[in-house]
Each structure stands twice: as structure tokens, then as C-alpha cells.
Amino acid sequence: MFLVNKESKILLLHPSGAYNRRAPWLPPKEEIEADETSKEAAQRAVVEELGLPPDSCTDIKELGSVTYKTKSKMIWCFAARYLGKNDAVRLDWENDRYGWFTAEEAQRIIKEEFAPLIPKTMQLVDSPKA
């Protein structure tokens, strides 16, 4: 799930491991469990990967799916407003760093397949509530 903070910056994660040293950054994400929806999996990613409470984000909106070029994964993506403190993130073992980036910065460092979702994310979270 793409989280956007009060300063309109996007949270991205960098995967752990020496083999990921030069890997691109990613939004928080989780595989969908048998008993949950794609939205529930995205909300679970906020809790499990970031160590944040479930109510730390609001206005969750679906962005659509991304399929990796290798066809190895399909990710359902969502965007949400983040309500908490920027330094409240507590990473799990899957990621070694996180950062809050402007849309332009995020475009440069994110995994290529996710790049088209950055403008859509900003549009959705910056749009007035219906």
C-alpha cells in the first residue's frame, strides 16, 4: 500500500539482503491469504512490514494491479493517507530501510513496474473526500 504523509511524501521500502543491495525501492506489500481480500492484505502489510497500527491510515483507495516483468508476481495496489508520525515505522526483517519521498524522487527509485502508479497515488490522496 502506498502511504502518503501530511507533507505529500510517499513511503517506500528497500528490501533486505546483500543480493538486494542495488534493488529498487517498493511500496509495503503482502501476499493475499486465502481468507482475506486484496485490501485486507494491503492493510496487513502496514501492520506487519511497518509495525504501525491498523488505524494509522485512512481514505484507502484501489489503484489497480501491477504485474512484474518476469510475470512472477501480480500485486494489487492501494493508496492511503498516513496519519501517524514519520518516524513511527518499525521495519520487519524483509526490509532494511524506509524513506519518505516526493513523487519525483519516488519515480526515480521505485521498481519500474510501480512507477506509473505514483501520479495516480498522488491524485487519489490529494483529491477531496467524496
C-alpha atoms as a PDB file:
ATOM      1  CA  MET A   1       0.000   0.000   0.000  1.00  0.00           C
ATOM      2  CA  PHE A   2       1.344   3.417  -0.941  1.00  0.00           C
ATOM      3  CA  LEU A   3       1.164   5.652   2.135  1.00  0.00           C
ATOM      4  CA  VAL A   4       1.250   9.422   1.693  1.00  0.00           C
ATOM      5  CA  ASN A   5       2.042  11.597   4.711  1.00  0.00           C
ATOM      6  CA  LYS A   6       0.920  15.109   5.643  1.00  0.00           C
ATOM      7  CA  GLU A   7       3.786  16.580   3.598  1.00  0.00           C
ATOM      8  CA  SER A   8       2.572  14.688   0.479  1.00  0.00           C
ATOM      9  CA  LYS A   9       5.558  12.344   0.573  1.00  0.00           C
ATOM     10  CA  ILE A  10       5.314   8.653  -0.273  1.00  0.00           C
ATOM     11  CA  LEU A  11       6.670   5.892   1.957  1.00  0.00           C
ATOM     12  CA  LEU A  12       8.885   3.357   0.178  1.00  0.00           C
ATOM     13  CA  LEU A  13      10.845   0.382   1.471  1.00  0.00           C
ATOM     14  CA  HIS A  14      14.175  -1.098   0.461  1.00  0.00           C
ATOM     15  CA  PRO A  15      14.397  -4.916   0.587  1.00  0.00           C
ATOM     16  CA  SER A  16      16.921  -6.584   2.905  1.00  0.00           C
ATOM     17  CA  GLY A  17      19.814  -8.808   1.959  1.00  0.00           C
ATOM     18  CA  ALA A  18      23.177  -8.410   0.261  1.00  0.00           C
ATOM     19  CA  TYR A  19      21.662  -9.541  -3.033  1.00  0.00           C
ATOM     20  CA  ASN A  20      19.226  -6.587  -2.824  1.00  0.00           C
ATOM     21  CA  ARG A  21      21.972  -4.008  -2.286  1.00  0.00           C
ATOM     22  CA  ARG A  22      21.146  -2.313  -5.618  1.00  0.00           C
ATOM     23  CA  ALA A  23      17.486  -3.329  -5.740  1.00  0.00           C
ATOM     24  CA  PRO A  24      14.844  -0.689  -6.411  1.00  0.00           C
ATOM     25  CA  TRP A  25      12.533   0.510  -3.656  1.00  0.00           C
ATOM     26  CA  LEU A  26       8.979  -0.809  -3.226  1.00  0.00           C
ATOM     27  CA  PRO A  27       5.703   0.068  -1.511  1.00  0.00           C
ATOM     28  CA  PRO A  28       4.730  -2.049   1.508  1.00  0.00           C
ATOM     29  CA  LYS A  29       3.096  -5.234   0.203  1.00  0.00           C
ATOM     30  CA  GLU A  30       1.989  -8.699   1.325  1.00  0.00           C
ATOM     31  CA  GLU A  31       0.729 -11.846  -0.370  1.00  0.00           C
ATOM     32  CA  ILE A  32      -3.025 -12.316  -0.162  1.00  0.00           C
ATOM     33  CA  GLU A  33      -4.019 -15.019   2.320  1.00  0.00           C
ATOM     34  CA  ALA A  34      -6.829 -17.460   1.478  1.00  0.00           C
ATOM     35  CA  ASP A  35      -9.266 -15.815   3.895  1.00  0.00           C
ATOM     36  CA  GLU A  36      -8.708 -12.146   3.018  1.00  0.00           C
ATOM     37  CA  THR A  37      -9.309  -9.603   0.276  1.00  0.00           C
ATOM     38  CA  SER A  38      -6.568  -7.715  -1.537  1.00  0.00           C
ATOM     39  CA  LYS A  39      -7.437  -4.622   0.512  1.00  0.00           C
ATOM     40  CA  GLU A  40      -7.134  -6.581   3.759  1.00  0.00           C
ATOM     41  CA  ALA A  41      -3.713  -7.849   2.641  1.00  0.00           C
ATOM     42  CA  ALA A  42      -2.626  -4.262   1.950  1.00  0.00           C
ATOM     43  CA  GLN A  43      -3.808  -3.204   5.399  1.00  0.00           C
ATOM     44  CA  ARG A  44      -1.962  -6.158   6.924  1.00  0.00           C
ATOM     45  CA  ALA A  45       1.232  -5.014   5.181  1.00  0.00           C
ATOM     46  CA  VAL A  46       1.005  -1.742   7.109  1.00  0.00           C
ATOM     47  CA  VAL A  47       0.889  -3.680  10.377  1.00  0.00           C
ATOM     48  CA  GLU A  48       3.401  -6.459   9.595  1.00  0.00           C
ATOM     49  CA  GLU A  49       6.016  -4.686   7.437  1.00  0.00           C
ATOM     50  CA  LEU A  50       5.860  -1.268   9.085  1.00  0.00           C
ATOM     51  CA  GLY A  51       4.879  -2.059  12.657  1.00  0.00           C
ATOM     52  CA  LEU A  52       2.104   0.540  12.513  1.00  0.00           C
ATOM     53  CA  PRO A  53      -1.387   0.260  13.991  1.00  0.00           C
ATOM     54  CA  PRO A  54      -4.191  -0.574  11.533  1.00  0.00           C
ATOM     55  CA  ASP A  55      -5.814   2.819  12.101  1.00  0.00           C
ATOM     56  CA  SER A  56      -2.678   4.736  11.087  1.00  0.00           C
ATOM     57  CA  CYS A  57      -4.013   5.196   7.560  1.00  0.00           C
ATOM     58  CA  THR A  58      -7.296   6.387   6.115  1.00  0.00           C
ATOM     59  CA  ASP A  59      -9.021   7.006   2.785  1.00  0.00           C
ATOM     60  CA  ILE A  60      -7.785   3.747   1.282  1.00  0.00           C
ATOM     61  CA  LYS A  61      -8.313   3.704  -2.473  1.00  0.00           C
ATOM     62  CA  GLU A  62      -7.599   0.970  -5.011  1.00  0.00           C
ATOM     63  CA  LEU A  63      -5.028   1.754  -7.711  1.00  0.00           C
ATOM     64  CA  GLY A  64      -5.235  -1.497  -9.679  1.00  0.00           C
ATOM     65  CA  SER A  65      -2.695  -4.241 -10.167  1.00  0.00           C
ATOM     66  CA  VAL A  66       0.947  -4.405 -11.203  1.00  0.00           C
ATOM     67  CA  THR A  67       2.484  -7.484 -12.820  1.00  0.00           C
ATOM     68  CA  TYR A  68       6.247  -7.888 -12.572  1.00  0.00           C
ATOM     69  CA  LYS A  69       8.017  -8.059 -15.931  1.00  0.00           C
ATOM     70  CA  THR A  70       9.121 -11.593 -15.083  1.00  0.00           C
ATOM     71  CA  LYS A  71       5.428 -12.472 -14.599  1.00  0.00           C
ATOM     72  CA  SER A  72       6.467 -13.920 -11.231  1.00  0.00           C
ATOM     73  CA  LYS A  73       4.139 -11.728  -9.173  1.00  0.00           C
ATOM     74  CA  MET A  74       0.971  -9.715  -9.504  1.00  0.00           C
ATOM     75  CA  ILE A  75       0.458  -7.064  -6.830  1.00  0.00           C
ATOM     76  CA  TRP A  76      -2.852  -5.357  -6.040  1.00  0.00           C
ATOM     77  CA  CYS A  77      -2.056  -1.782  -5.117  1.00  0.00           C
ATOM     78  CA  PHE A  78      -3.784   0.716  -2.872  1.00  0.00           C
ATOM     79  CA  ALA A  79      -3.095   4.263  -1.739  1.00  0.00           C
ATOM     80  CA  ALA A  80      -3.923   5.785   1.624  1.00  0.00           C
ATOM     81  CA  ARG A  81      -3.294   8.873   3.713  1.00  0.00           C
ATOM     82  CA  TYR A  82      -0.900   8.215   6.589  1.00  0.00           C
ATOM     83  CA  LEU A  83      -1.953   9.854   9.853  1.00  0.00           C
ATOM     84  CA  GLY A  84       0.978   8.994  12.115  1.00  0.00           C
ATOM     85  CA  LYS A  85       4.454  10.285  12.778  1.00  0.00           C
ATOM     86  CA  ASN A  86       7.009   9.788  10.008  1.00  0.00           C
ATOM     87  CA  ASP A  87       9.496   8.121  12.343  1.00  0.00           C
ATOM     88  CA  ALA A  88       6.972   5.648  13.819  1.00  0.00           C
ATOM     89  CA  VAL A  89       7.803   2.985  11.219  1.00  0.00           C
ATOM     90  CA  ARG A  90       9.378  -0.198  12.643  1.00  0.00           C
ATOM     91  CA  LEU A  91      10.599  -2.444   9.845  1.00  0.00           C
ATOM     92  CA  ASP A  92      10.353  -6.210   9.824  1.00  0.00           C
ATOM     93  CA  TRP A  93      13.173  -8.468   8.572  1.00  0.00           C
ATOM     94  CA  GLU A  94      12.111  -8.162   4.905  1.00  0.00           C
ATOM     95  CA  ASN A  95      13.297  -4.556   4.562  1.00  0.00           C
ATOM     96  CA  ASP A  96      16.433  -2.761   5.692  1.00  0.00           C
ATOM     97  CA  ARG A  97      15.441   0.871   5.084  1.00  0.00           C
ATOM     98  CA  TYR A  98      12.473   3.114   4.580  1.00  0.00           C
ATOM     99  CA  GLY A  99      12.095   6.677   3.448  1.00  0.00           C
ATOM    100  CA  TRP A 100       9.559   9.364   2.685  1.00  0.00           C
ATOM    101  CA  PHE A 101       9.992  10.659  -0.863  1.00  0.00           C
ATOM    102  CA  THR A 102       8.466  13.313  -3.077  1.00  0.00           C
ATOM    103  CA  ALA A 103       6.608  11.947  -6.099  1.00  0.00           C
ATOM    104  CA  GLU A 104       9.559  12.901  -8.305  1.00  0.00           C
ATOM    105  CA  GLU A 105      12.087  11.164  -6.043  1.00  0.00           C
ATOM    106  CA  ALA A 106       9.873   8.070  -5.788  1.00  0.00           C
ATOM    107  CA  GLN A 107       9.618   7.865  -9.590  1.00  0.00           C
ATOM    108  CA  ARG A 108      13.412   7.627  -9.823  1.00  0.00           C
ATOM    109  CA  ILE A 109      13.982   4.891  -7.229  1.00  0.00           C
ATOM    110  CA  ILE A 110      10.892   2.679  -7.290  1.00  0.00           C
ATOM    111  CA  LYS A 111      10.727  -0.664  -9.093  1.00  0.00           C
ATOM    112  CA  GLU A 112       9.897   0.206 -12.689  1.00  0.00           C
ATOM    113  CA  GLU A 113       6.544  -1.583 -12.753  1.00  0.00           C
ATOM    114  CA  PHE A 114       5.211   0.596  -9.922  1.00  0.00           C
ATOM    115  CA  ALA A 115       6.297   3.948 -11.396  1.00  0.00           C
ATOM    116  CA  PRO A 116       3.027   4.591 -13.290  1.00  0.00           C
ATOM    117  CA  LEU A 117       1.132   4.387 -10.000  1.00  0.00           C
ATOM    118  CA  ILE A 118       2.961   7.312  -8.377  1.00  0.00           C
ATOM    119  CA  PRO A 119       0.957  10.071 -10.152  1.00  0.00           C
ATOM    120  CA  LYS A 120      -2.255   8.123  -9.617  1.00  0.00           C
ATOM    121  CA  THR A 121      -1.416   7.771  -5.916  1.00  0.00           C
ATOM    122  CA  MET A 122      -0.858  11.495  -5.541  1.00  0.00           C
ATOM    123  CA  GLN A 123      -4.062  12.295  -7.419  1.00  0.00           C
ATOM    124  CA  LEU A 124      -6.153   9.947  -5.280  1.00  0.00           C
ATOM    125  CA  VAL A 125      -4.853  11.004  -1.895  1.00  0.00           C
ATOM    126  CA  ASP A 126      -4.861  14.697  -2.765  1.00  0.00           C
ATOM    127  CA  SER A 127      -8.423  14.629  -4.102  1.00  0.00           C
ATOM    128  CA  PRO A 128     -11.136  15.853  -1.745  1.00  0.00           C
ATOM    129  CA  LYS A 129     -13.185  13.257   0.101  1.00  0.00           C
ATOM    130  CA  ALA A 130     -16.367  12.238  -1.678  1.00  0.00           C
END
